[in-house]
Amino acid sequence: MTALILLLLIAATVIYAVFFLIFKIIWMIIKKQGNKWPLIWAGVCTFLFCAGSAALIGWGTYKVIKPFTGIIERTQTQPQPVYGQTEYTDPEYGFTLTVFNGMDFSDWMHFSGTDVKLGVDTNVFKKDNAGKDFKGPITIAAILRTANKPEDTSVSALKKALETNKDRRIEIDEMYTMTIDGNPALYVSGTAYGNRGESVPVWLVAAENGKYVYYVGIMEISEDGNNSQVPEKTVQSLRFSQN
């Protein structure tokens, strides 16, 4: 904590020095004498800059953390691992997914026409009755909802992009079209590679529903490299109860 305070003080001092230099140059240009007003204006600007930065960081933290408060509260309420199959119904858009074990979802995050919801198997944060950490695979999910633009976000556009993809960081194992509630949909499974060669298996279903397209993606990280059928079953279980 002391080190953090020192770093913040050093940063504030550097910012103050930069503002002072700027105002001193301005004072010289307009042929004014003395350091009083450059020092005052540098102090005012430093205060406003630091206050604005703190407010921006606080707002960003609130925007990022707030959607996950429900997951945190539910995990604290149910500290024991949860196993089995349940049906998840989205409270805002009404679609359903078959989820397994401790999978839980955040609230929606809205970004310029695209809505994002993240999920995680919360068993990874829990201990069993013997006090041992969860040893199963780490399952992380993401759901995107965006406007259906035929040349950009539609199922056919995604299929075309994946078929012509030359990025070696994405390796597709299986891809085929399907229908969900009579609407066009695409199933994809494959592997995503990081810059250092690390790999993560990924499953994705994209489905059109009226004016919107939904993307449900899941990645599963296991210590032994063996993956369950949970991600495939979950993404393929997407169903719509309303448009």
Protein backbone atom coordinates (compact mmCIF):
# COMPACT_ATOMS: atom_id res chain seq x y z
CA MET A 1 0.00 0.00 0.00
CA THR A 2 2.85 2.37 0.87
CA ALA A 3 4.53 1.63 -2.45
CA LEU A 4 1.28 2.38 -4.30
CA ILE A 5 0.91 5.72 -2.52
CA LEU A 6 4.50 6.62 -3.39
CA LEU A 7 3.93 5.73 -7.03
CA LEU A 8 0.79 7.88 -7.13
CA LEU A 9 2.66 10.80 -5.55
CA ILE A 10 5.48 10.44 -8.05
CA ALA A 11 2.98 10.31 -10.92
CA ALA A 12 1.20 13.43 -9.61
CA THR A 13 4.55 15.23 -9.32
CA VAL A 14 5.48 14.35 -12.89
CA ILE A 15 2.07 15.50 -14.15
CA TYR A 16 2.41 18.76 -12.20
CA ALA A 17 5.88 19.32 -13.68
CA VAL A 18 4.59 18.78 -17.21
CA PHE A 19 1.71 21.24 -16.72
CA PHE A 20 4.08 23.77 -15.15
CA LEU A 21 6.43 23.48 -18.13
CA ILE A 22 3.53 24.00 -20.53
CA PHE A 23 2.24 27.10 -18.73
CA LYS A 24 5.77 28.48 -18.29
CA ILE A 25 6.31 28.24 -22.05
CA ILE A 26 2.96 29.97 -22.62
CA TRP A 27 3.98 32.69 -20.14
CA MET A 28 7.24 33.20 -22.04
CA ILE A 29 5.45 33.38 -25.37
CA ILE A 30 3.09 36.10 -24.12
CA LYS A 31 6.09 37.82 -22.49
CA LYS A 32 4.91 37.53 -18.89
CA GLN A 33 7.29 37.41 -15.94
CA GLY A 34 7.32 35.29 -12.78
CA ASN A 35 6.30 31.73 -11.88
CA LYS A 36 3.27 32.45 -9.70
CA TRP A 37 0.52 31.91 -12.28
CA PRO A 38 2.22 28.99 -14.06
CA LEU A 39 2.49 27.28 -10.66
CA ILE A 40 -1.17 28.01 -9.84
CA TRP A 41 -2.51 26.87 -13.21
CA ALA A 42 -0.31 23.78 -13.14
CA GLY A 43 -1.79 22.92 -9.73
CA VAL A 44 -5.36 23.44 -10.95
CA CYS A 45 -4.83 21.32 -14.07
CA THR A 46 -3.08 18.60 -12.08
CA PHE A 47 -6.01 18.43 -9.67
CA LEU A 48 -8.57 18.30 -12.50
CA PHE A 49 -6.55 15.69 -14.37
CA CYS A 50 -6.17 13.45 -11.31
CA ALA A 51 -9.83 13.90 -10.30
CA GLY A 52 -10.99 13.11 -13.83
CA SER A 53 -8.72 10.07 -14.05
CA ALA A 54 -9.99 8.78 -10.70
CA ALA A 55 -13.60 9.28 -11.79
CA LEU A 56 -12.96 7.54 -15.11
CA ILE A 57 -11.26 4.59 -13.40
CA GLY A 58 -14.08 4.39 -10.86
CA TRP A 59 -16.72 4.49 -13.60
CA GLY A 60 -14.89 1.83 -15.62
CA THR A 61 -14.52 -0.39 -12.59
CA TYR A 62 -18.22 0.01 -11.80
CA LYS A 63 -19.20 -0.83 -15.39
CA VAL A 64 -16.99 -3.92 -15.41
CA ILE A 65 -17.70 -5.27 -11.93
CA LYS A 66 -21.43 -4.47 -11.60
CA PRO A 67 -22.60 -7.11 -14.13
CA PHE A 68 -20.83 -9.79 -12.07
CA THR A 69 -22.28 -8.91 -8.66
CA GLY A 70 -25.05 -11.48 -9.15
CA ILE A 71 -22.55 -14.27 -9.78
CA ILE A 72 -20.53 -13.23 -6.73
CA GLU A 73 -23.59 -13.16 -4.48
CA ARG A 74 -24.91 -16.50 -5.72
CA THR A 75 -21.51 -18.12 -5.31
CA GLN A 76 -21.31 -16.88 -1.73
CA THR A 77 -24.84 -18.13 -1.04
CA GLN A 78 -24.03 -21.58 -2.48
CA PRO A 79 -20.39 -22.25 -1.46
CA GLN A 80 -20.53 -25.98 -2.26
CA PRO A 81 -19.89 -27.26 -5.82
CA VAL A 82 -23.00 -27.82 -7.91
CA TYR A 83 -23.30 -30.76 -10.32
CA GLY A 84 -25.90 -31.79 -12.85
CA GLN A 85 -27.91 -30.30 -15.70
CA THR A 86 -30.26 -27.30 -15.52
CA GLU A 87 -32.08 -25.01 -17.94
CA TYR A 88 -30.97 -21.39 -18.04
CA THR A 89 -33.55 -18.87 -19.27
CA ASP A 90 -32.29 -15.38 -19.98
CA PRO A 91 -34.45 -12.94 -18.00
CA GLU A 92 -34.12 -10.13 -20.57
CA TYR A 93 -34.28 -11.76 -24.01
CA GLY A 94 -35.97 -15.05 -23.17
CA PHE A 95 -33.71 -17.58 -24.89
CA THR A 96 -32.80 -20.81 -23.12
CA LEU A 97 -29.64 -22.88 -22.76
CA THR A 98 -28.94 -26.22 -21.16
CA VAL A 99 -26.08 -25.61 -18.73
CA PHE A 100 -24.11 -27.97 -16.56
CA ASN A 101 -22.70 -27.96 -13.05
CA GLY A 102 -22.06 -24.50 -11.60
CA MET A 103 -22.37 -22.49 -14.83
CA ASP A 104 -23.70 -19.02 -14.05
CA PHE A 105 -23.99 -15.85 -16.13
CA SER A 106 -23.38 -12.16 -15.59
CA ASP A 107 -25.85 -9.42 -16.38
CA TRP A 108 -25.83 -8.01 -19.90
CA MET A 109 -23.16 -5.48 -20.82
CA HIS A 110 -24.23 -3.11 -23.59
CA PHE A 111 -21.67 -1.78 -26.09
CA SER A 112 -22.85 0.35 -29.02
CA GLY A 113 -25.48 -2.00 -30.39
CA THR A 114 -23.87 -5.24 -29.21
CA ASP A 115 -24.91 -6.89 -25.97
CA VAL A 116 -22.45 -9.17 -24.18
CA LYS A 117 -23.01 -11.66 -21.37
CA LEU A 118 -20.24 -13.76 -19.82
CA GLY A 119 -20.55 -17.03 -17.93
CA VAL A 120 -18.31 -19.29 -15.87
CA ASP A 121 -18.63 -22.61 -14.09
CA THR A 122 -18.51 -21.22 -10.56
CA ASN A 123 -17.40 -24.59 -9.18
CA VAL A 124 -13.87 -23.39 -9.94
CA PHE A 125 -14.23 -20.91 -7.03
CA LYS A 126 -15.49 -23.52 -4.55
CA LYS A 127 -14.19 -26.32 -2.35
CA ASP A 128 -15.84 -29.69 -1.74
CA ASN A 129 -16.85 -31.10 1.65
CA ALA A 130 -13.28 -32.28 2.19
CA GLY A 131 -11.99 -28.76 1.63
CA LYS A 132 -10.34 -29.63 -1.67
CA ASP A 133 -10.30 -27.31 -4.67
CA PHE A 134 -12.41 -28.11 -7.72
CA LYS A 135 -10.37 -30.30 -10.10
CA GLY A 136 -12.65 -30.34 -13.12
CA PRO A 137 -12.14 -28.35 -16.32
CA ILE A 138 -12.56 -24.58 -16.27
CA THR A 139 -15.52 -23.69 -18.47
CA ILE A 140 -16.00 -20.10 -19.66
CA ALA A 141 -18.87 -18.92 -21.87
CA ALA A 142 -19.71 -15.78 -23.80
CA ILE A 143 -23.01 -14.74 -25.39
CA LEU A 144 -23.24 -11.92 -27.91
CA ARG A 145 -26.43 -10.39 -29.27
CA THR A 146 -26.13 -7.98 -32.18
CA ALA A 147 -28.15 -6.63 -35.10
CA ASN A 148 -28.56 -9.02 -38.03
CA LYS A 149 -26.65 -7.44 -40.91
CA PRO A 150 -26.59 -9.83 -43.91
CA GLU A 151 -23.13 -8.79 -45.11
CA ASP A 152 -21.56 -8.55 -41.68
CA THR A 153 -23.08 -10.41 -38.74
CA SER A 154 -25.40 -13.01 -40.29
CA VAL A 155 -24.81 -16.76 -40.15
CA SER A 156 -23.87 -16.85 -43.84
CA ALA A 157 -21.37 -14.00 -43.34
CA LEU A 158 -19.74 -15.82 -40.43
CA LYS A 159 -19.56 -19.09 -42.39
CA LYS A 160 -17.93 -17.34 -45.32
CA ALA A 161 -15.42 -15.59 -43.06
CA LEU A 162 -14.44 -18.86 -41.39
CA GLU A 163 -14.16 -20.71 -44.72
CA THR A 164 -11.77 -18.08 -46.08
CA ASN A 165 -9.88 -17.61 -42.81
CA LYS A 166 -6.11 -17.94 -43.12
CA ASP A 167 -5.25 -17.09 -39.53
CA ARG A 168 -3.12 -19.93 -38.16
CA ARG A 169 -4.25 -19.04 -34.64
CA ILE A 170 -7.67 -20.54 -35.44
CA GLU A 171 -8.01 -24.18 -36.44
CA ILE A 172 -11.50 -25.42 -37.30
CA ASP A 173 -12.25 -29.07 -36.54
CA GLU A 174 -15.93 -29.17 -37.47
CA MET A 175 -18.40 -26.74 -39.04
CA TYR A 176 -21.89 -27.25 -40.38
CA THR A 177 -25.15 -25.35 -40.85
CA MET A 178 -28.26 -26.20 -38.88
CA THR A 179 -31.54 -24.63 -37.86
CA ILE A 180 -32.74 -23.45 -34.46
CA ASP A 181 -36.48 -22.88 -34.18
CA GLY A 182 -36.57 -22.78 -37.97
CA ASN A 183 -33.90 -20.05 -38.18
CA PRO A 184 -30.46 -20.33 -39.85
CA ALA A 185 -27.69 -21.37 -37.48
CA LEU A 186 -24.06 -22.44 -37.67
CA TYR A 187 -22.12 -24.83 -35.43
CA VAL A 188 -18.33 -24.56 -35.19
CA SER A 189 -15.77 -26.36 -33.06
CA GLY A 190 -12.06 -25.82 -33.18
CA THR A 191 -8.94 -24.66 -31.41
CA ALA A 192 -7.65 -21.16 -30.75
CA TYR A 193 -3.88 -20.68 -30.43
CA GLY A 194 -2.14 -17.93 -28.49
CA ASN A 195 0.99 -16.05 -29.54
CA ARG A 196 3.15 -18.46 -27.54
CA GLY A 197 1.59 -21.59 -28.95
CA GLU A 198 -0.84 -22.28 -26.10
CA SER A 199 -4.14 -23.72 -27.28
CA VAL A 200 -7.73 -23.62 -26.06
CA PRO A 201 -10.60 -25.67 -27.56
CA VAL A 202 -13.61 -23.56 -28.51
CA TRP A 203 -17.24 -24.36 -29.42
CA LEU A 204 -19.56 -21.84 -31.06
CA VAL A 205 -23.12 -21.62 -32.29
CA ALA A 206 -24.39 -18.59 -34.18
CA ALA A 207 -28.13 -18.34 -34.75
CA GLU A 208 -30.39 -15.74 -36.31
CA ASN A 209 -33.55 -14.73 -34.53
CA GLY A 210 -35.49 -12.07 -36.37
CA LYS A 211 -33.58 -8.80 -36.40
CA TYR A 212 -30.77 -10.17 -34.21
CA VAL A 213 -28.00 -12.74 -34.31
CA TYR A 214 -26.92 -14.60 -31.18
CA TYR A 215 -23.45 -16.06 -30.74
CA VAL A 216 -22.90 -18.59 -27.95
CA GLY A 217 -19.27 -19.54 -27.46
CA ILE A 218 -17.63 -21.75 -24.85
CA MET A 219 -14.04 -22.66 -24.13
CA GLU A 220 -13.01 -25.41 -21.75
CA ILE A 221 -9.58 -25.64 -20.15
CA SER A 222 -8.58 -28.95 -18.62
CA GLU A 223 -5.33 -30.02 -16.98
CA ASP A 224 -5.11 -33.31 -18.87
CA GLY A 225 -6.23 -31.91 -22.22
CA ASN A 226 -9.33 -34.11 -22.31
CA ASN A 227 -12.56 -32.21 -22.82
CA SER A 228 -16.08 -33.13 -21.81
CA GLN A 229 -19.18 -32.99 -23.98
CA VAL A 230 -20.54 -30.11 -21.91
CA PRO A 231 -19.57 -27.23 -24.26
CA GLU A 232 -20.99 -28.92 -27.36
CA LYS A 233 -24.25 -29.79 -25.62
CA THR A 234 -24.61 -26.28 -24.22
CA VAL A 235 -24.06 -24.32 -27.43
CA GLN A 236 -26.32 -26.67 -29.41
CA SER A 237 -29.09 -26.33 -26.84
CA LEU A 238 -29.81 -22.68 -27.72
CA ARG A 239 -33.52 -22.09 -28.15
CA PHE A 240 -35.62 -18.92 -28.53
CA SER A 241 -38.88 -18.33 -26.72
CA GLN A 242 -39.39 -14.81 -28.04
CA ASN A 243 -38.05 -12.53 -30.78
